[in-house]
């Protein structure tokens, strides 16, 4: 029986990246040999065991044979006769198909180390196409390692394009696609994930609402990059700088979906795209089975981003109505996240990436002004029912009026909005 460290731990160690978890392959063993040593069996489809002390995963060497469609249509075979090389060839990328023995020697039968040096993501064998989830997995790796200069090998990208065209991606479950997407949103360059999916045709299959934004023009005076799809990727890039939270980045990705529904005869204007986009965010989120907090922030970003940009142009009564609709008193954390998404939108434009976004300061001050009005004070005056509600609204509008005047005086020489 021989045990090898495999996969991501070997890859990241060679790249000098932190290794957070380790996977092991056991060659030349029967399941009983591991259980007799205290390993606990956890695999359903093939033998995987947890180490009695480290709880790391140890899998018996195995081969896979395609038996049906989709990500799970495989028959796994395992026996003490299966070699390490046979186990490694079933993996997706050469950089993930390396092993390390107990002496630290790297076993690399498929050129993974060479591809690491060349900064290439290349498939191990033609069997790559048997698992459609690998299209999304490779896109995620491209997002993770973009900062190191990695790119997808031409032949691998061609294979991913063929897989998309074949219809095989339709067999994936929303849960698996979302899992890869959520993980990609947490990487350093999630915009690369979206771009790769577009390059191979997968975006049009699972993210139609985003795919259709490419080629849709916007007004050049507000969007020097013009193309809505490019603006979306730029906004996602800025959101990644502003927040590590995946749902904030997702909201930046979907904030302009309504522009995909603008009739071509109306281009480059997109009047009403904010509200149109809400239904598209909901449609996309529900198709992917995205968590509720992702959908909620995405819908708010679509509905309110233009209002947030034009803060100082709004009347106090309008500002108060928007704050109520955004539920800021009960959900101040989500309001803070919404402001980050709006900043990403405002700065996700060609040549404006470093602009100072003052609208966030305005809205934070507006929320503070509303909070200065004490409902308890009004109740102490004996106000109830409709009279109380009207007095509370009037007091809040007055506080907002004073704040707005103060803000305008301070920022008379600079504009806080005029973006769309």
Protein backbone atom coordinates (compact mmCIF):
# COMPACT_ATOMS: atom_id res chain seq x y z
CA UNK A 1 0.00 0.00 0.00
CA UNK A 2 1.35 3.43 -1.00
CA UNK A 3 -0.10 6.82 -0.15
CA UNK A 4 0.33 9.97 -2.25
CA UNK A 5 -0.63 13.60 -1.76
CA UNK A 6 -2.54 14.69 -4.86
CA UNK A 7 -4.40 17.49 -6.57
CA UNK A 8 -4.68 21.05 -5.34
CA UNK A 9 -2.28 20.67 -2.44
CA UNK A 10 0.55 19.69 -4.80
CA UNK A 11 -0.39 22.39 -7.31
CA UNK A 12 -0.58 25.23 -4.80
CA UNK A 13 2.55 24.14 -2.98
CA UNK A 14 4.50 24.36 -6.23
CA UNK A 15 2.99 27.80 -6.87
CA UNK A 16 3.94 28.99 -3.40
CA UNK A 17 0.31 29.44 -2.40
CA UNK A 18 -1.09 28.45 1.02
CA UNK A 19 -2.39 24.88 1.20
CA UNK A 20 -5.65 24.81 3.12
CA UNK A 21 -6.65 21.18 2.66
CA UNK A 22 -5.00 18.00 1.56
CA UNK A 23 -6.32 15.05 -0.46
CA UNK A 24 -4.62 11.68 -0.61
CA UNK A 25 -4.74 8.70 -2.95
CA UNK A 26 -4.09 5.18 -1.71
CA UNK A 27 -2.66 2.73 -4.24
CA UNK A 28 -2.52 -1.05 -3.81
CA UNK A 29 -4.99 -1.38 -0.92
CA UNK A 30 -8.34 -2.96 -0.09
CA UNK A 31 -10.96 -0.98 1.85
CA UNK A 32 -10.59 -3.36 4.79
CA UNK A 33 -6.94 -2.40 5.18
CA UNK A 34 -7.91 1.20 5.88
CA UNK A 35 -10.83 0.47 8.17
CA UNK A 36 -8.66 -1.89 10.20
CA UNK A 37 -6.32 1.06 10.82
CA UNK A 38 -9.13 3.29 12.10
CA UNK A 39 -10.06 5.12 8.90
CA UNK A 40 -13.77 5.90 8.61
CA UNK A 41 -15.52 5.17 5.29
CA UNK A 42 -17.59 8.12 3.97
CA UNK A 43 -17.74 7.67 0.18
CA UNK A 44 -21.04 6.71 -1.39
CA UNK A 45 -20.04 6.05 -5.01
CA UNK A 46 -16.43 5.05 -4.40
CA UNK A 47 -14.26 4.36 -1.36
CA UNK A 48 -13.24 7.54 0.47
CA UNK A 49 -12.00 7.43 4.03
CA UNK A 50 -11.30 9.98 6.73
CA UNK A 51 -8.01 9.75 8.58
CA UNK A 52 -8.61 8.89 12.26
CA UNK A 53 -6.57 11.88 13.46
CA UNK A 54 -6.37 14.55 10.74
CA UNK A 55 -9.83 13.86 9.23
CA UNK A 56 -8.26 14.43 5.79
CA UNK A 57 -9.70 12.47 2.87
CA UNK A 58 -7.98 9.33 1.61
CA UNK A 59 -9.45 7.81 -1.57
CA UNK A 60 -8.59 4.45 -3.09
CA UNK A 61 -7.12 4.77 -6.58
CA UNK A 62 -9.91 4.44 -9.11
CA UNK A 63 -10.89 4.75 -12.75
CA UNK A 64 -14.07 6.25 -14.18
CA UNK A 65 -16.17 5.26 -17.17
CA UNK A 66 -18.93 7.40 -18.67
CA UNK A 67 -22.30 5.69 -18.27
CA UNK A 68 -24.82 8.47 -18.81
CA UNK A 69 -25.28 12.20 -19.25
CA UNK A 70 -24.38 14.93 -16.86
CA UNK A 71 -21.95 15.40 -14.02
CA UNK A 72 -22.86 12.18 -12.18
CA UNK A 73 -23.16 9.73 -15.09
CA UNK A 74 -20.05 7.70 -14.27
CA UNK A 75 -19.20 4.18 -13.18
CA UNK A 76 -16.22 4.07 -10.82
CA UNK A 77 -13.95 1.07 -10.56
CA UNK A 78 -11.37 0.50 -7.84
CA UNK A 79 -8.98 -2.29 -6.99
CA UNK A 80 -5.43 -2.73 -5.65
CA UNK A 81 -4.28 -3.16 -9.28
CA UNK A 82 -5.15 0.39 -10.38
CA UNK A 83 -2.00 2.45 -10.75
CA UNK A 84 -1.39 6.02 -9.67
CA UNK A 85 -1.12 7.07 -13.32
CA UNK A 86 -4.53 5.54 -14.07
CA UNK A 87 -6.03 7.47 -11.18
CA UNK A 88 -4.42 10.77 -12.20
CA UNK A 89 -5.50 10.62 -15.85
CA UNK A 90 -9.19 10.84 -14.90
CA UNK A 91 -8.63 14.33 -13.46
CA UNK A 92 -9.54 17.55 -15.25
CA UNK A 93 -6.37 19.62 -15.68
CA UNK A 94 -2.71 18.65 -15.89
CA UNK A 95 -1.91 21.03 -13.02
CA UNK A 96 -4.33 19.01 -10.89
CA UNK A 97 -2.95 15.64 -12.02
CA UNK A 98 0.29 15.61 -10.05
CA UNK A 99 1.15 13.61 -6.95
CA UNK A 100 3.79 13.72 -4.26
CA UNK A 101 5.16 10.71 -2.39
CA UNK A 102 6.27 10.51 1.21
CA UNK A 103 9.81 11.57 0.25
CA UNK A 104 8.58 14.74 -1.43
CA UNK A 105 9.16 13.46 -4.96
CA UNK A 106 6.71 14.86 -7.53
CA UNK A 107 5.06 12.30 -9.81
CA UNK A 108 3.94 14.14 -12.93
CA UNK A 109 3.00 11.80 -15.81
CA UNK A 110 0.97 14.38 -17.79
CA UNK A 111 3.13 17.50 -17.77
CA UNK A 112 1.42 19.45 -14.99
CA UNK A 113 4.63 21.02 -13.70
CA UNK A 114 5.52 22.22 -17.18
CA UNK A 115 2.07 23.75 -17.56
CA UNK A 116 2.42 25.47 -14.20
CA UNK A 117 5.63 27.09 -15.43
CA UNK A 118 3.93 28.03 -18.72
CA UNK A 119 0.89 29.35 -16.80
CA UNK A 120 -1.44 27.08 -18.78
CA UNK A 121 -4.71 25.44 -17.78
CA UNK A 122 -4.79 22.38 -20.05
CA UNK A 123 -7.00 19.29 -19.94
CA UNK A 124 -5.38 15.95 -19.15
CA UNK A 125 -7.16 13.79 -21.73
CA UNK A 126 -10.14 13.76 -24.11
CA UNK A 127 -12.16 12.30 -21.23
CA UNK A 128 -12.40 15.90 -20.00
CA UNK A 129 -15.49 16.34 -22.15
CA UNK A 130 -17.35 13.59 -20.30
CA UNK A 131 -18.02 15.88 -17.31
CA UNK A 132 -19.81 19.13 -18.29
CA UNK A 133 -19.20 20.66 -14.85
CA UNK A 134 -15.55 20.95 -15.81
CA UNK A 135 -16.40 23.89 -18.07
CA UNK A 136 -17.36 25.91 -15.00
CA UNK A 137 -14.56 24.49 -12.91
CA UNK A 138 -11.91 25.54 -15.43
CA UNK A 139 -13.47 29.01 -15.65
CA UNK A 140 -13.22 29.23 -11.85
CA UNK A 141 -9.56 28.22 -11.91
CA UNK A 142 -8.95 30.89 -14.55
CA UNK A 143 -10.47 33.43 -12.15
CA UNK A 144 -8.36 32.18 -9.26
CA UNK A 145 -5.02 32.20 -11.03
CA UNK A 146 -5.50 35.19 -13.34
CA UNK A 147 -3.25 37.27 -11.10
CA UNK A 148 -0.39 34.88 -11.89
CA UNK A 149 -0.92 35.20 -15.63
CA UNK A 150 -2.61 31.85 -16.22
CA UNK A 151 -4.66 31.32 -19.37
CA UNK A 152 -6.66 28.44 -20.76
CA UNK A 153 -4.85 26.42 -23.43
CA UNK A 154 -6.31 26.93 -26.89
CA UNK A 155 -7.17 23.26 -27.31
CA UNK A 156 -8.90 23.18 -23.93
CA UNK A 157 -10.96 26.27 -24.70
CA UNK A 158 -11.96 24.68 -28.02
CA UNK A 159 -13.05 21.57 -26.14
CA UNK A 160 -15.10 23.71 -23.75
CA UNK A 161 -16.74 25.41 -26.74
CA UNK A 162 -17.59 22.02 -28.23
CA UNK A 163 -19.10 20.89 -24.94
CA UNK A 164 -21.26 24.01 -24.74
CA UNK A 165 -22.44 23.55 -28.32
CA UNK A 166 -23.28 19.89 -27.70
CA UNK A 167 -26.04 20.68 -25.22
CA UNK A 168 -24.36 18.67 -22.48
CA UNK A 169 -24.27 21.68 -20.15
CA UNK A 170 -28.07 21.58 -19.98
CA UNK A 171 -27.83 18.33 -18.04
CA UNK A 172 -26.19 20.03 -15.06
CA UNK A 173 -28.22 20.80 -11.98
CA UNK A 174 -28.65 24.45 -10.93
CA UNK A 175 -27.13 23.62 -7.56
CA UNK A 176 -23.83 22.48 -9.12
CA UNK A 177 -23.62 25.49 -11.44
CA UNK A 178 -24.37 27.83 -8.57
CA UNK A 179 -21.78 26.20 -6.32
CA UNK A 180 -19.06 26.84 -8.89
CA UNK A 181 -20.36 30.36 -9.51
CA UNK A 182 -20.48 31.29 -5.84
CA UNK A 183 -16.95 30.01 -5.36
CA UNK A 184 -15.83 31.95 -8.44
CA UNK A 185 -17.37 35.12 -7.02
CA UNK A 186 -15.08 34.69 -4.05
CA UNK A 187 -11.93 34.56 -6.20
CA UNK A 188 -9.65 37.53 -6.92
CA UNK A 189 -10.91 37.97 -10.49
CA UNK A 190 -14.54 36.80 -10.79
CA UNK A 191 -14.91 38.86 -13.95
CA UNK A 192 -12.53 36.38 -15.60
CA UNK A 193 -14.97 33.58 -14.72
CA UNK A 194 -17.77 35.39 -16.54
CA UNK A 195 -15.55 36.21 -19.51
CA UNK A 196 -14.40 32.60 -19.89
CA UNK A 197 -17.97 31.34 -19.77
CA UNK A 198 -18.84 33.81 -22.49
CA UNK A 199 -15.83 32.82 -24.58
CA UNK A 200 -16.85 29.16 -24.55
CA UNK A 201 -20.61 29.71 -24.98
CA UNK A 202 -21.66 28.61 -21.49
CA UNK A 203 -22.83 32.08 -20.45
CA UNK A 204 -25.59 32.04 -23.05
CA UNK A 205 -26.85 28.72 -21.65
CA UNK A 206 -26.96 29.40 -17.92
CA UNK A 207 -26.66 33.19 -17.67
CA UNK A 208 -28.68 34.45 -20.63
CA UNK A 209 -29.56 37.70 -18.88
CA UNK A 210 -25.88 38.60 -18.54
CA UNK A 211 -24.84 37.31 -21.96
CA UNK A 212 -27.36 39.47 -23.77
CA UNK A 213 -25.81 42.66 -22.29
CA UNK A 214 -22.77 42.36 -24.54
CA UNK A 215 -23.14 44.49 -27.63
CA UNK A 216 -25.82 46.71 -26.07
CA UNK A 217 -24.62 50.36 -26.27
CA UNK A 218 -24.98 53.03 -23.59
CA UNK A 219 -24.62 56.80 -23.75
CA UNK A 220 -20.93 57.57 -24.24
CA UNK A 221 -20.99 60.68 -22.04
CA UNK A 222 -21.84 58.50 -19.04
CA UNK A 223 -20.25 55.26 -20.23
CA UNK A 224 -17.04 55.82 -22.20
CA UNK A 225 -16.75 52.02 -22.53
CA UNK A 226 -20.17 52.10 -24.29
CA UNK A 227 -20.81 48.33 -24.24
CA UNK A 228 -23.08 47.28 -21.35
CA UNK A 229 -21.42 43.89 -21.04
CA UNK A 230 -17.99 45.46 -20.69
CA UNK A 231 -19.41 47.88 -18.09
CA UNK A 232 -20.83 44.92 -16.17
CA UNK A 233 -17.43 43.20 -16.02
CA UNK A 234 -15.78 46.46 -14.99
CA UNK A 235 -18.34 46.95 -12.23
CA UNK A 236 -17.74 43.43 -10.98
CA UNK A 237 -14.01 44.15 -10.95
CA UNK A 238 -14.49 47.27 -8.82
CA UNK A 239 -16.92 45.45 -6.50
CA UNK A 240 -14.22 42.84 -5.94
CA UNK A 241 -11.90 45.61 -4.75
CA UNK A 242 -14.57 47.05 -2.47
CA UNK A 243 -15.90 43.93 -0.77
CA UNK A 244 -14.95 40.29 -0.20
CA UNK A 245 -18.62 39.32 0.04
CA UNK A 246 -19.88 37.17 -2.81
CA UNK A 247 -23.41 38.58 -2.68
CA UNK A 248 -22.11 42.15 -3.08
CA UNK A 249 -20.16 41.06 -6.14
CA UNK A 250 -23.20 39.21 -7.49
CA UNK A 251 -25.33 42.34 -7.13
CA UNK A 252 -22.76 44.33 -9.11
CA UNK A 253 -22.89 41.65 -11.79
CA UNK A 254 -26.68 41.88 -12.17
CA UNK A 255 -27.42 45.56 -11.46
CA UNK A 256 -27.96 46.45 -15.15
CA UNK A 257 -29.83 43.38 -16.43
CA UNK A 258 -32.76 45.57 -17.44
CA UNK A 259 -30.67 47.13 -20.22
CA UNK A 260 -30.78 43.80 -22.01
CA UNK A 261 -34.52 44.35 -22.54
CA UNK A 262 -34.26 47.85 -23.99
CA UNK A 263 -35.59 47.90 -27.59
CA UNK A 264 -32.78 48.55 -30.05
CA UNK A 265 -34.75 51.52 -31.37
CA UNK A 266 -34.27 53.25 -28.00
CA UNK A 267 -30.50 52.72 -27.77
CA UNK A 268 -28.31 54.12 -26.33
CA UNK A 269 -30.88 55.34 -23.78
CA UNK A 270 -32.29 52.86 -21.27
CA UNK A 271 -35.23 54.59 -19.67
CA UNK A 272 -36.85 52.37 -17.03
CA UNK A 273 -34.12 49.73 -17.07
CA UNK A 274 -33.92 49.76 -13.26
CA UNK A 275 -37.38 48.31 -12.69
CA UNK A 276 -37.21 46.05 -15.75
CA UNK A 277 -34.06 44.54 -14.35
CA UNK A 278 -35.68 43.44 -11.10
CA UNK A 279 -37.62 40.68 -12.84
CA UNK A 280 -34.45 39.57 -14.66
CA UNK A 281 -32.49 39.39 -11.40
CA UNK A 282 -35.25 37.29 -9.89
CA UNK A 283 -35.37 35.06 -12.97
CA UNK A 284 -31.62 34.44 -12.95
CA UNK A 285 -31.41 33.95 -9.18
CA UNK A 286 -34.21 31.42 -9.12
CA UNK A 287 -32.83 29.51 -12.09
CA UNK A 288 -29.49 29.15 -10.31
CA UNK A 289 -31.09 28.50 -6.89
CA UNK A 290 -29.09 31.43 -5.53
CA UNK A 291 -29.55 32.17 -1.81
CA UNK A 292 -32.17 34.73 -0.85
CA UNK A 293 -29.63 37.33 0.29
CA UNK A 294 -28.02 37.27 -3.16
CA UNK A 295 -31.35 37.77 -4.89
CA UNK A 296 -32.52 40.47 -2.47
CA UNK A 297 -29.41 42.63 -2.83
CA UNK A 298 -29.38 42.08 -6.59
CA UNK A 299 -32.98 43.26 -6.88
CA UNK A 300 -32.27 46.32 -4.75
CA UNK A 301 -29.20 47.15 -6.82
CA UNK A 302 -31.27 47.01 -10.01
CA UNK A 303 -34.18 49.01 -8.62
CA UNK A 304 -32.32 51.75 -6.73
CA UNK A 305 -28.88 52.29 -8.29
CA UNK A 306 -30.01 55.27 -10.36
CA UNK A 307 -31.70 56.87 -7.33
CA UNK A 308 -28.53 56.39 -5.29
CA UNK A 309 -26.43 58.07 -7.99
CA UNK A 310 -28.78 61.08 -8.22
CA UNK A 311 -29.05 61.56 -4.48
CA UNK A 312 -28.69 65.32 -4.24
CA UNK A 313 -31.19 65.89 -7.06
CA UNK A 314 -34.03 64.27 -5.11
CA UNK A 315 -36.47 66.11 -2.88
CA UNK A 316 -36.50 65.25 0.84
CA UNK A 317 -39.88 63.55 0.50
CA UNK A 318 -38.53 61.39 -2.33
CA UNK A 319 -35.38 60.54 -0.37
CA UNK A 320 -37.51 59.45 2.58
CA UNK A 321 -39.75 57.34 0.37
CA UNK A 322 -36.71 55.62 -1.15
CA UNK A 323 -35.19 54.96 2.27
CA UNK A 324 -38.43 53.37 3.42
CA UNK A 325 -38.60 51.18 0.33
CA UNK A 326 -34.99 50.13 0.90
CA UNK A 327 -35.93 49.15 4.48
CA UNK A 328 -32.81 50.89 5.76
CA UNK A 329 -33.86 51.15 9.41
CA UNK A 330 -34.38 47.41 9.73
CA UNK A 331 -31.61 46.38 7.32
CA UNK A 332 -28.78 48.92 7.65
CA UNK A 333 -26.16 46.27 6.74
CA UNK A 334 -27.82 45.60 3.40
CA UNK A 335 -28.04 49.35 2.78
CA UNK A 336 -24.28 49.66 3.31
CA UNK A 337 -23.75 46.80 0.84
CA UNK A 338 -26.08 48.45 -1.67
CA UNK A 339 -23.99 51.61 -1.53
CA UNK A 340 -20.88 49.56 -2.32
CA UNK A 341 -22.61 48.08 -5.37
CA UNK A 342 -23.60 51.55 -6.55
CA UNK A 343 -20.03 52.74 -6.13
CA UNK A 344 -18.88 49.77 -8.20
CA UNK A 345 -21.37 50.78 -10.89
CA UNK A 346 -20.22 54.40 -10.88
CA UNK A 347 -16.53 53.50 -11.03
CA UNK A 348 -16.90 50.55 -13.41
CA UNK A 349 -16.46 52.80 -16.42
CA UNK A 350 -13.57 53.41 -18.75
CA UNK A 351 -11.30 56.09 -17.31
CA UNK A 352 -13.44 56.58 -14.20
CA UNK A 353 -12.18 53.66 -12.14
CA UNK A 354 -10.54 55.94 -9.56
CA UNK A 355 -13.32 58.53 -9.28
CA UNK A 356 -14.46 59.61 -5.82
CA UNK A 357 -18.00 58.42 -5.22
CA UNK A 358 -19.63 60.97 -2.91
CA UNK A 359 -23.20 59.67 -3.20
CA UNK A 360 -22.45 57.03 -0.55
CA UNK A 361 -21.60 59.78 1.92
CA UNK A 362 -24.82 61.59 1.09
CA UNK A 363 -26.99 58.54 1.73
CA UNK A 364 -25.17 57.61 4.91
CA UNK A 365 -25.81 61.15 6.13
CA UNK A 366 -29.45 60.87 5.07
CA UNK A 367 -29.87 57.73 7.13
CA UNK A 368 -28.27 59.42 10.12
CA UNK A 369 -30.64 62.37 9.71
CA UNK A 370 -33.67 60.08 9.72
CA UNK A 371 -32.40 58.36 12.84
CA UNK A 372 -32.18 61.67 14.68
CA UNK A 373 -35.97 61.88 14.69
CA UNK A 374 -37.22 60.07 17.79
CA UNK A 375 -40.62 58.38 17.48
CA UNK A 376 -40.72 58.16 21.27
CA UNK A 377 -40.57 61.96 21.54
CA UNK A 378 -43.59 62.32 19.30
CA UNK A 379 -45.48 59.67 21.20
CA UNK A 380 -44.71 61.50 24.45
CA UNK A 381 -46.61 64.45 23.00
CA UNK A 382 -49.69 62.26 22.86
CA UNK A 383 -49.69 61.73 19.12
CA UNK A 384 -51.29 58.49 17.94
CA UNK A 385 -52.50 56.81 14.78
CA UNK A 386 -52.57 58.89 11.62
CA UNK A 387 -51.48 62.04 13.45
CA UNK A 388 -48.38 60.26 14.74
CA UNK A 389 -47.50 58.86 11.31
CA UNK A 390 -47.88 62.25 9.64
CA UNK A 391 -45.84 64.02 12.32
CA UNK A 392 -43.09 61.42 12.09
CA UNK A 393 -42.93 61.75 8.33
CA UNK A 394 -42.89 65.55 8.51
CA UNK A 395 -40.09 65.54 11.09
CA UNK A 396 -38.03 63.13 9.03
CA UNK A 397 -38.51 65.17 5.87
CA UNK A 398 -37.41 68.30 7.74
CA UNK A 399 -34.29 66.51 9.00
CA UNK A 400 -33.56 65.38 5.45
CA UNK A 401 -34.13 68.90 4.13
CA UNK A 402 -31.60 70.29 6.59
CA UNK A 403 -29.12 67.57 5.75
CA UNK A 404 -29.56 68.11 2.01
CA UNK A 405 -29.01 71.86 2.34
CA UNK A 406 -25.91 71.27 4.42
CA UNK A 407 -24.63 68.79 1.86
CA UNK A 408 -25.26 71.10 -1.10
CA UNK A 409 -23.41 73.91 0.61
CA UNK A 410 -20.43 71.65 1.23
CA UNK A 411 -20.32 70.21 -2.25
CA UNK A 412 -21.35 73.22 -4.32
CA UNK A 413 -18.25 72.90 -6.47
CA UNK A 414 -18.60 69.23 -7.28
CA UNK A 415 -21.30 66.99 -8.62
CA UNK A 416 -22.38 63.91 -6.64
CA UNK A 417 -24.31 62.21 -9.42
CA UNK A 418 -25.24 62.58 -13.11
CA UNK A 419 -24.57 58.93 -13.86
CA UNK A 420 -27.00 56.32 -15.04
